[in-house]
Amino acid sequence: MFMHYNQLCTTQKALVHRKIAVRTKAPQETILKVLTGINPVLKIIDRDVLMMYYMMSKIEQRIQEELRMKNYE
């Protein structure tokens, strides 16, 4: 069953953060800010995090935008 990010428990959120961090190499605070803002729909099976491809692309794009904005400050 797919669930929104804000409905996940702390352990599940940590799995999502780790998957995004490995893929994007972004800082944890940026990942948290983006995931909280987007609130993606995810599915967790054992230790695997599943999401739609377009959602991962959207998260990566938003993280890049956040990092660019952070560099300008």
Protein backbone atom coordinates (compact mmCIF):
# COMPACT_ATOMS: atom_id res chain seq x y z
CA MET A 1 0.00 0.00 0.00
CA PHE A 2 1.36 3.40 -0.97
CA MET A 3 1.48 6.05 1.74
CA HIS A 4 2.37 9.72 1.88
CA TYR A 5 5.75 10.63 3.37
CA ASN A 6 4.19 12.39 6.36
CA GLN A 7 2.34 9.17 7.33
CA LEU A 8 5.54 7.11 7.67
CA CYS A 9 7.13 6.24 11.01
CA THR A 10 10.58 7.55 11.92
CA THR A 11 12.37 4.36 10.84
CA GLN A 12 10.67 4.38 7.46
CA LYS A 13 11.49 8.06 6.97
CA ALA A 14 15.15 7.25 7.71
CA LEU A 15 15.09 4.62 4.94
CA VAL A 16 13.69 7.20 2.52
CA HIS A 17 16.32 9.77 3.55
CA ARG A 18 19.09 7.24 3.01
CA LYS A 19 17.82 6.30 -0.47
CA ILE A 20 17.60 9.95 -1.53
CA ALA A 21 21.00 10.77 0.01
CA VAL A 22 22.72 7.94 -1.86
CA ARG A 23 21.16 9.04 -5.13
CA THR A 24 21.62 12.82 -4.79
CA LYS A 25 24.58 13.23 -2.39
CA ALA A 26 22.61 16.09 -0.78
CA PRO A 27 22.75 17.15 2.90
CA GLN A 28 20.12 15.68 5.21
CA GLU A 29 18.51 19.05 6.03
CA THR A 30 17.93 19.73 2.33
CA ILE A 31 16.45 16.27 1.82
CA LEU A 32 14.15 16.71 4.81
CA LYS A 33 12.98 20.13 3.59
CA VAL A 34 12.21 18.83 0.09
CA LEU A 35 10.46 15.66 1.25
CA THR A 36 8.34 17.59 3.73
CA GLY A 37 7.39 20.09 1.03
CA ILE A 38 6.56 17.56 -1.68
CA ASN A 39 5.13 14.85 0.62
CA PRO A 40 5.63 12.10 -2.00
CA VAL A 41 3.68 8.86 -2.18
CA LEU A 42 5.94 5.93 -1.27
CA LYS A 43 5.79 2.23 -0.62
CA ILE A 44 8.18 0.46 1.70
CA ILE A 45 8.66 -3.30 1.46
CA ASP A 46 11.09 -4.65 4.05
CA ARG A 47 14.01 -2.24 3.52
CA ASP A 48 13.20 -1.25 -0.06
CA VAL A 49 11.74 2.16 -0.80
CA LEU A 50 9.54 2.27 -3.89
CA MET A 51 8.25 5.37 -5.61
CA MET A 52 7.16 6.41 -9.06
CA TYR A 53 10.02 7.41 -11.36
CA TYR A 54 8.55 10.86 -12.01
CA MET A 55 8.46 11.47 -8.24
CA MET A 56 12.15 10.65 -7.86
CA SER A 57 12.91 13.01 -10.74
CA LYS A 58 10.84 15.74 -9.12
CA ILE A 59 12.64 15.26 -5.77
CA GLU A 60 16.06 15.37 -7.45
CA GLN A 61 15.11 18.54 -9.34
CA ARG A 62 13.81 20.25 -6.21
CA ILE A 63 16.97 19.30 -4.27
CA GLN A 64 19.14 20.79 -7.03
CA GLU A 65 17.09 24.00 -6.88
CA GLU A 66 17.45 24.15 -3.09
CA LEU A 67 21.21 23.63 -3.29
CA ARG A 68 21.53 26.35 -5.94
CA MET A 69 19.56 28.77 -3.78
CA LYS A 70 21.72 27.86 -0.79
CA ASN A 71 24.89 28.60 -2.79
CA TYR A 72 23.62 32.07 -3.73
CA GLU A 73 23.05 33.05 -0.09
